Amino acid sequence: MGSADYAAALERRTRVGACFAREMASVAGLLMPGSDQSARILDPEDERHAGLGAFLRPANFLGAAAVALPTSRDSDGMPLGLQLLAPHGRDASLLAVAAELEGALGAGRPIPDPGPWRLT
């Protein structure tokens, strides 16, 4: 990417981030999927994870505050979740909303054993 394209991308990021902040001014957060699939067992080529970033990119692009919330498990017992986004700088209020949602989503569930997921 050349310097002019890079500068244009940064300008777009600033413009879109400001628009996001304006639209989010009157709400506590934006609740959206954390991923388009459940967690996957790691594979040597990492092919199963190709789509995992689709719902994560907006927060990264915007520099938004974001938190992941576990919700349930799929039929194989793999975890599923949601993410909550807020504009940059609203981390504390986002975490307060996340704490409330965590209770509604079933806080106190047992923590899964990651051993079968072959993470090591």
N, C-alpha and C. Protein backbone atom coordinates (compact mmCIF):
# COMPACT_ATOMS: atom_id res chain seq x y z
N MET A 1 0.85 -1.17 0.00
CA MET A 1 0.00 0.00 0.00
C MET A 1 0.90 1.23 0.00
N GLY A 2 0.62 2.13 -0.88
CA GLY A 2 1.40 3.36 -0.97
C GLY A 2 0.99 4.35 0.12
N SER A 3 1.81 5.38 0.31
CA SER A 3 1.56 6.34 1.38
C SER A 3 0.25 7.11 1.17
N ALA A 4 -0.11 7.43 -0.06
CA ALA A 4 -1.37 8.15 -0.31
C ALA A 4 -2.58 7.28 0.04
N ASP A 5 -2.53 6.01 -0.34
CA ASP A 5 -3.62 5.09 0.01
C ASP A 5 -3.70 4.89 1.51
N TYR A 6 -2.56 4.82 2.15
CA TYR A 6 -2.53 4.65 3.60
C TYR A 6 -3.15 5.87 4.30
N ALA A 7 -2.78 7.03 3.85
CA ALA A 7 -3.33 8.27 4.42
C ALA A 7 -4.84 8.33 4.20
N ALA A 8 -5.30 7.91 3.02
CA ALA A 8 -6.74 7.91 2.73
C ALA A 8 -7.47 6.91 3.64
N ALA A 9 -6.85 5.76 3.88
CA ALA A 9 -7.47 4.76 4.76
C ALA A 9 -7.58 5.29 6.19
N LEU A 10 -6.54 5.99 6.66
CA LEU A 10 -6.59 6.57 8.00
C LEU A 10 -7.67 7.65 8.11
N GLU A 11 -7.80 8.44 7.06
CA GLU A 11 -8.84 9.49 7.04
C GLU A 11 -10.22 8.85 7.06
N ARG A 12 -10.40 7.80 6.28
CA ARG A 12 -11.69 7.09 6.27
C ARG A 12 -11.99 6.50 7.64
N ARG A 13 -10.98 5.91 8.26
CA ARG A 13 -11.16 5.34 9.60
C ARG A 13 -11.61 6.42 10.59
N THR A 14 -11.00 7.57 10.54
CA THR A 14 -11.38 8.67 11.43
C THR A 14 -12.82 9.11 11.18
N ARG A 15 -13.18 9.24 9.91
CA ARG A 15 -14.53 9.68 9.53
C ARG A 15 -15.59 8.66 9.95
N VAL A 16 -15.33 7.39 9.69
CA VAL A 16 -16.29 6.34 10.04
C VAL A 16 -16.38 6.19 11.57
N GLY A 17 -15.25 6.32 12.25
CA GLY A 17 -15.26 6.24 13.72
C GLY A 17 -16.09 7.35 14.34
N ALA A 18 -16.00 8.55 13.78
CA ALA A 18 -16.79 9.68 14.28
C ALA A 18 -18.28 9.44 14.03
N CYS A 19 -18.62 8.89 12.90
CA CYS A 19 -20.02 8.56 12.58
C CYS A 19 -20.53 7.49 13.55
N PHE A 20 -19.73 6.48 13.80
CA PHE A 20 -20.12 5.42 14.75
C PHE A 20 -20.37 6.02 16.13
N ALA A 21 -19.48 6.90 16.58
CA ALA A 21 -19.63 7.52 17.90
C ALA A 21 -20.92 8.35 17.96
N ARG A 22 -21.23 9.08 16.90
CA ARG A 22 -22.47 9.87 16.87
C ARG A 22 -23.70 8.97 16.94
N GLU A 23 -23.71 7.92 16.16
CA GLU A 23 -24.86 7.01 16.12
C GLU A 23 -25.04 6.26 17.44
N MET A 24 -23.94 6.05 18.16
CA MET A 24 -23.98 5.29 19.41
C MET A 24 -24.15 6.18 20.64
N ALA A 25 -24.28 7.47 20.45
CA ALA A 25 -24.31 8.41 21.58
C ALA A 25 -25.44 8.13 22.57
N SER A 26 -26.57 7.64 22.10
CA SER A 26 -27.72 7.46 22.98
C SER A 26 -27.97 6.01 23.40
N VAL A 27 -27.06 5.12 23.08
CA VAL A 27 -27.23 3.71 23.46
C VAL A 27 -26.02 3.22 24.24
N ALA A 28 -26.23 2.17 25.02
CA ALA A 28 -25.17 1.64 25.87
C ALA A 28 -24.13 0.85 25.11
N GLY A 29 -24.53 0.22 24.02
CA GLY A 29 -23.59 -0.59 23.25
C GLY A 29 -24.29 -1.26 22.08
N LEU A 30 -23.50 -1.83 21.22
CA LEU A 30 -24.00 -2.56 20.07
C LEU A 30 -23.70 -4.03 20.29
N LEU A 31 -24.75 -4.84 20.44
CA LEU A 31 -24.61 -6.27 20.65
C LEU A 31 -24.66 -6.96 19.29
N MET A 32 -23.65 -7.76 19.01
CA MET A 32 -23.58 -8.43 17.72
C MET A 32 -22.85 -9.77 17.87
N PRO A 33 -22.94 -10.62 16.85
CA PRO A 33 -22.23 -11.90 16.94
C PRO A 33 -20.73 -11.69 17.16
N GLY A 34 -20.15 -12.62 17.88
CA GLY A 34 -18.70 -12.58 18.06
C GLY A 34 -17.99 -13.26 16.90
N SER A 35 -18.68 -14.19 16.27
CA SER A 35 -18.09 -14.96 15.18
C SER A 35 -19.21 -15.53 14.32
N ASP A 36 -18.84 -15.92 13.12
CA ASP A 36 -19.83 -16.55 12.25
C ASP A 36 -19.83 -18.07 12.39
N GLN A 37 -19.10 -18.56 13.39
CA GLN A 37 -19.01 -20.00 13.63
C GLN A 37 -18.61 -20.23 15.08
N SER A 38 -18.80 -21.44 15.55
CA SER A 38 -18.37 -21.76 16.91
C SER A 38 -16.85 -21.94 16.91
N ALA A 39 -16.29 -22.10 18.09
CA ALA A 39 -14.85 -22.34 18.20
C ALA A 39 -14.50 -23.61 17.43
N ARG A 40 -13.32 -23.66 16.91
CA ARG A 40 -12.87 -24.80 16.12
C ARG A 40 -11.59 -25.38 16.69
N ILE A 41 -11.43 -26.68 16.52
CA ILE A 41 -10.18 -27.32 16.89
C ILE A 41 -9.11 -26.81 15.93
N LEU A 42 -7.93 -26.52 16.46
CA LEU A 42 -6.85 -26.04 15.61
C LEU A 42 -6.42 -27.11 14.63
N ASP A 43 -6.13 -26.71 13.43
CA ASP A 43 -5.61 -27.63 12.43
C ASP A 43 -4.27 -27.06 11.94
N PRO A 44 -3.37 -27.93 11.48
CA PRO A 44 -2.03 -27.47 11.11
C PRO A 44 -2.00 -26.33 10.09
N GLU A 45 -2.92 -26.31 9.15
CA GLU A 45 -2.94 -25.27 8.12
C GLU A 45 -3.76 -24.05 8.53
N ASP A 46 -4.45 -24.15 9.65
CA ASP A 46 -5.30 -23.08 10.16
C ASP A 46 -6.40 -22.70 9.16
N GLU A 47 -6.86 -23.68 8.39
CA GLU A 47 -7.89 -23.43 7.39
C GLU A 47 -9.28 -23.28 7.99
N ARG A 48 -9.52 -23.89 9.12
CA ARG A 48 -10.85 -23.83 9.74
C ARG A 48 -11.17 -22.46 10.32
N HIS A 49 -10.17 -21.61 10.45
CA HIS A 49 -10.35 -20.34 11.13
C HIS A 49 -10.44 -19.16 10.17
N ALA A 50 -10.54 -19.43 8.90
CA ALA A 50 -10.49 -18.36 7.89
C ALA A 50 -11.57 -17.30 8.10
N GLY A 51 -12.76 -17.67 8.52
CA GLY A 51 -13.84 -16.71 8.65
C GLY A 51 -14.01 -16.11 10.04
N LEU A 52 -13.14 -16.46 10.96
CA LEU A 52 -13.34 -16.04 12.34
C LEU A 52 -13.29 -14.53 12.55
N GLY A 53 -12.63 -13.80 11.69
CA GLY A 53 -12.48 -12.37 11.91
C GLY A 53 -13.57 -11.49 11.35
N ALA A 54 -14.53 -12.05 10.64
CA ALA A 54 -15.53 -11.23 9.95
C ALA A 54 -16.27 -10.27 10.88
N PHE A 55 -16.66 -10.73 12.05
CA PHE A 55 -17.39 -9.87 12.97
C PHE A 55 -16.47 -9.11 13.93
N LEU A 56 -15.19 -9.41 13.90
CA LEU A 56 -14.23 -8.72 14.76
C LEU A 56 -13.62 -7.50 14.07
N ARG A 57 -13.60 -7.51 12.77
CA ARG A 57 -12.97 -6.41 12.03
C ARG A 57 -13.57 -5.04 12.29
N PRO A 58 -14.90 -4.91 12.42
CA PRO A 58 -15.44 -3.57 12.65
C PRO A 58 -14.87 -2.90 13.91
N ALA A 59 -14.79 -3.62 15.01
CA ALA A 59 -14.24 -3.03 16.24
C ALA A 59 -12.78 -2.65 16.05
N ASN A 60 -12.03 -3.52 15.39
CA ASN A 60 -10.62 -3.22 15.14
C ASN A 60 -10.47 -1.99 14.26
N PHE A 61 -11.24 -1.92 13.20
CA PHE A 61 -11.16 -0.79 12.28
C PHE A 61 -11.53 0.52 12.98
N LEU A 62 -12.58 0.48 13.79
CA LEU A 62 -13.08 1.68 14.46
C LEU A 62 -12.25 2.08 15.68
N GLY A 63 -11.41 1.18 16.16
CA GLY A 63 -10.72 1.44 17.42
C GLY A 63 -11.71 1.45 18.57
N ALA A 64 -12.80 0.71 18.40
CA ALA A 64 -13.89 0.69 19.38
C ALA A 64 -13.53 -0.15 20.59
N ALA A 65 -14.20 0.14 21.69
CA ALA A 65 -14.12 -0.71 22.86
C ALA A 65 -14.99 -1.94 22.55
N ALA A 66 -14.52 -3.12 22.93
CA ALA A 66 -15.28 -4.34 22.66
C ALA A 66 -15.01 -5.36 23.75
N VAL A 67 -16.01 -6.16 24.03
CA VAL A 67 -15.86 -7.24 25.00
C VAL A 67 -16.64 -8.45 24.48
N ALA A 68 -16.06 -9.63 24.65
CA ALA A 68 -16.71 -10.87 24.24
C ALA A 68 -17.46 -11.46 25.42
N LEU A 69 -18.64 -11.99 25.14
CA LEU A 69 -19.49 -12.59 26.17
C LEU A 69 -19.85 -14.01 25.78
N PRO A 70 -19.52 -14.99 26.61
CA PRO A 70 -19.93 -16.37 26.31
C PRO A 70 -21.44 -16.51 26.44
N THR A 71 -22.03 -17.30 25.56
CA THR A 71 -23.49 -17.47 25.60
C THR A 71 -23.93 -18.91 25.80
N SER A 72 -23.36 -19.81 25.03
CA SER A 72 -23.81 -21.20 25.06
C SER A 72 -22.76 -22.06 24.37
N ARG A 73 -23.18 -23.25 23.99
CA ARG A 73 -22.29 -24.18 23.28
C ARG A 73 -23.03 -24.77 22.08
N ASP A 74 -22.24 -25.14 21.08
CA ASP A 74 -22.85 -25.80 19.93
C ASP A 74 -23.06 -27.27 20.24
N SER A 75 -23.52 -28.04 19.26
CA SER A 75 -23.82 -29.46 19.49
C SER A 75 -22.58 -30.30 19.80
N ASP A 76 -21.39 -29.78 19.49
CA ASP A 76 -20.14 -30.47 19.82
C ASP A 76 -19.56 -29.99 21.15
N GLY A 77 -20.28 -29.11 21.83
CA GLY A 77 -19.80 -28.61 23.11
C GLY A 77 -18.83 -27.44 23.00
N MET A 78 -18.64 -26.91 21.79
CA MET A 78 -17.73 -25.79 21.60
C MET A 78 -18.44 -24.48 21.95
N PRO A 79 -17.69 -23.53 22.53
CA PRO A 79 -18.32 -22.29 22.98
C PRO A 79 -18.78 -21.37 21.86
N LEU A 80 -19.88 -20.69 22.14
CA LEU A 80 -20.44 -19.66 21.27
C LEU A 80 -20.49 -18.37 22.06
N GLY A 81 -20.50 -17.24 21.37
CA GLY A 81 -20.55 -16.00 22.10
C GLY A 81 -21.01 -14.81 21.28
N LEU A 82 -21.18 -13.72 21.98
CA LEU A 82 -21.56 -12.43 21.41
C LEU A 82 -20.46 -11.43 21.73
N GLN A 83 -20.48 -10.30 21.05
CA GLN A 83 -19.59 -9.22 21.43
C GLN A 83 -20.42 -7.95 21.58
N LEU A 84 -19.94 -7.10 22.45
CA LEU A 84 -20.58 -5.83 22.73
C LEU A 84 -19.57 -4.74 22.38
N LEU A 85 -20.00 -3.78 21.56
CA LEU A 85 -19.12 -2.70 21.10
C LEU A 85 -19.64 -1.35 21.59
N ALA A 86 -18.71 -0.44 21.80
CA ALA A 86 -19.02 0.95 22.12
C ALA A 86 -17.90 1.80 21.52
N PRO A 87 -18.15 3.08 21.31
CA PRO A 87 -17.11 3.93 20.75
C PRO A 87 -15.87 4.00 21.64
N HIS A 88 -14.77 4.32 21.02
CA HIS A 88 -13.49 4.50 21.70
C HIS A 88 -13.66 5.38 22.93
N GLY A 89 -13.07 4.96 24.04
CA GLY A 89 -13.13 5.75 25.26
C GLY A 89 -14.28 5.43 26.18
N ARG A 90 -15.20 4.57 25.75
CA ARG A 90 -16.35 4.23 26.60
C ARG A 90 -16.18 2.85 27.23
N ASP A 91 -14.94 2.49 27.51
CA ASP A 91 -14.63 1.16 28.04
C ASP A 91 -15.34 0.88 29.37
N ALA A 92 -15.30 1.83 30.30
CA ALA A 92 -15.89 1.60 31.62
C ALA A 92 -17.39 1.34 31.53
N SER A 93 -18.10 2.15 30.77
CA SER A 93 -19.54 1.94 30.65
C SER A 93 -19.83 0.65 29.89
N LEU A 94 -18.99 0.31 28.93
CA LEU A 94 -19.17 -0.94 28.18
C LEU A 94 -19.02 -2.14 29.12
N LEU A 95 -18.03 -2.10 30.00
CA LEU A 95 -17.82 -3.20 30.93
C LEU A 95 -18.97 -3.31 31.93
N ALA A 96 -19.56 -2.19 32.30
CA ALA A 96 -20.71 -2.22 33.21
C ALA A 96 -21.90 -2.90 32.53
N VAL A 97 -22.14 -2.57 31.27
CA VAL A 97 -23.23 -3.21 30.52
C VAL A 97 -22.91 -4.70 30.35
N ALA A 98 -21.67 -5.03 30.04
CA ALA A 98 -21.27 -6.42 29.86
C ALA A 98 -21.50 -7.23 31.14
N ALA A 99 -21.23 -6.64 32.29
CA ALA A 99 -21.45 -7.32 33.56
C ALA A 99 -22.93 -7.64 33.76
N GLU A 100 -23.79 -6.71 33.38
CA GLU A 100 -25.23 -6.95 33.47
C GLU A 100 -25.66 -8.05 32.50
N LEU A 101 -25.16 -7.99 31.29
CA LEU A 101 -25.51 -9.01 30.29
C LEU A 101 -24.98 -10.38 30.68
N GLU A 102 -23.80 -10.42 31.27
CA GLU A 102 -23.22 -11.70 31.65
C GLU A 102 -24.15 -12.46 32.58
N GLY A 103 -24.77 -11.74 33.52
CA GLY A 103 -25.73 -12.38 34.41
C GLY A 103 -26.94 -12.91 33.66
N ALA A 104 -27.44 -12.14 32.72
CA ALA A 104 -28.60 -12.56 31.93
C ALA A 104 -28.26 -13.73 31.00
N LEU A 105 -27.00 -13.81 30.58
CA LEU A 105 -26.59 -14.87 29.65
C LEU A 105 -26.21 -16.16 30.36
N GLY A 106 -26.18 -16.14 31.69
CA GLY A 106 -25.91 -17.38 32.41
C GLY A 106 -24.57 -17.42 33.09
N ALA A 107 -24.19 -16.37 33.80
CA ALA A 107 -22.94 -16.39 34.56
C ALA A 107 -22.98 -17.56 35.53
N GLY A 108 -21.83 -18.06 35.84
CA GLY A 108 -21.74 -19.18 36.77
C GLY A 108 -21.68 -20.53 36.06
N ARG A 109 -21.73 -20.52 34.74
CA ARG A 109 -21.56 -21.79 34.03
C ARG A 109 -20.17 -22.33 34.32
N PRO A 110 -20.01 -23.63 34.31
CA PRO A 110 -18.67 -24.18 34.53
C PRO A 110 -17.72 -23.75 33.41
N ILE A 111 -16.49 -23.50 33.77
CA ILE A 111 -15.47 -23.16 32.79
C ILE A 111 -15.06 -24.43 32.06
N PRO A 112 -15.06 -24.42 30.74
CA PRO A 112 -14.75 -25.64 29.99
C PRO A 112 -13.28 -26.03 30.11
N ASP A 113 -13.03 -27.30 29.97
CA ASP A 113 -11.67 -27.82 29.92
C ASP A 113 -11.17 -27.66 28.48
N PRO A 114 -10.16 -26.82 28.23
CA PRO A 114 -9.70 -26.61 26.86
C PRO A 114 -8.85 -27.75 26.32
N GLY A 115 -8.54 -28.74 27.12
CA GLY A 115 -7.70 -29.86 26.68
C GLY A 115 -8.16 -30.51 25.38
N PRO A 116 -9.45 -30.85 25.26
CA PRO A 116 -9.92 -31.49 24.03
C PRO A 116 -9.84 -30.59 22.80
N TRP A 117 -9.66 -29.29 23.00
CA TRP A 117 -9.61 -28.38 21.87
C TRP A 117 -8.23 -28.34 21.22
N ARG A 118 -7.28 -29.07 21.81
CA ARG A 118 -5.90 -29.16 21.27
C ARG A 118 -5.26 -27.79 21.05
N LEU A 119 -5.30 -26.96 22.08
CA LEU A 119 -4.73 -25.62 21.98
C LEU A 119 -3.24 -25.59 22.26
N THR A 120 -2.69 -26.64 22.82
CA THR A 120 -1.26 -26.64 23.13
C THR A 120 -0.47 -27.48 22.19
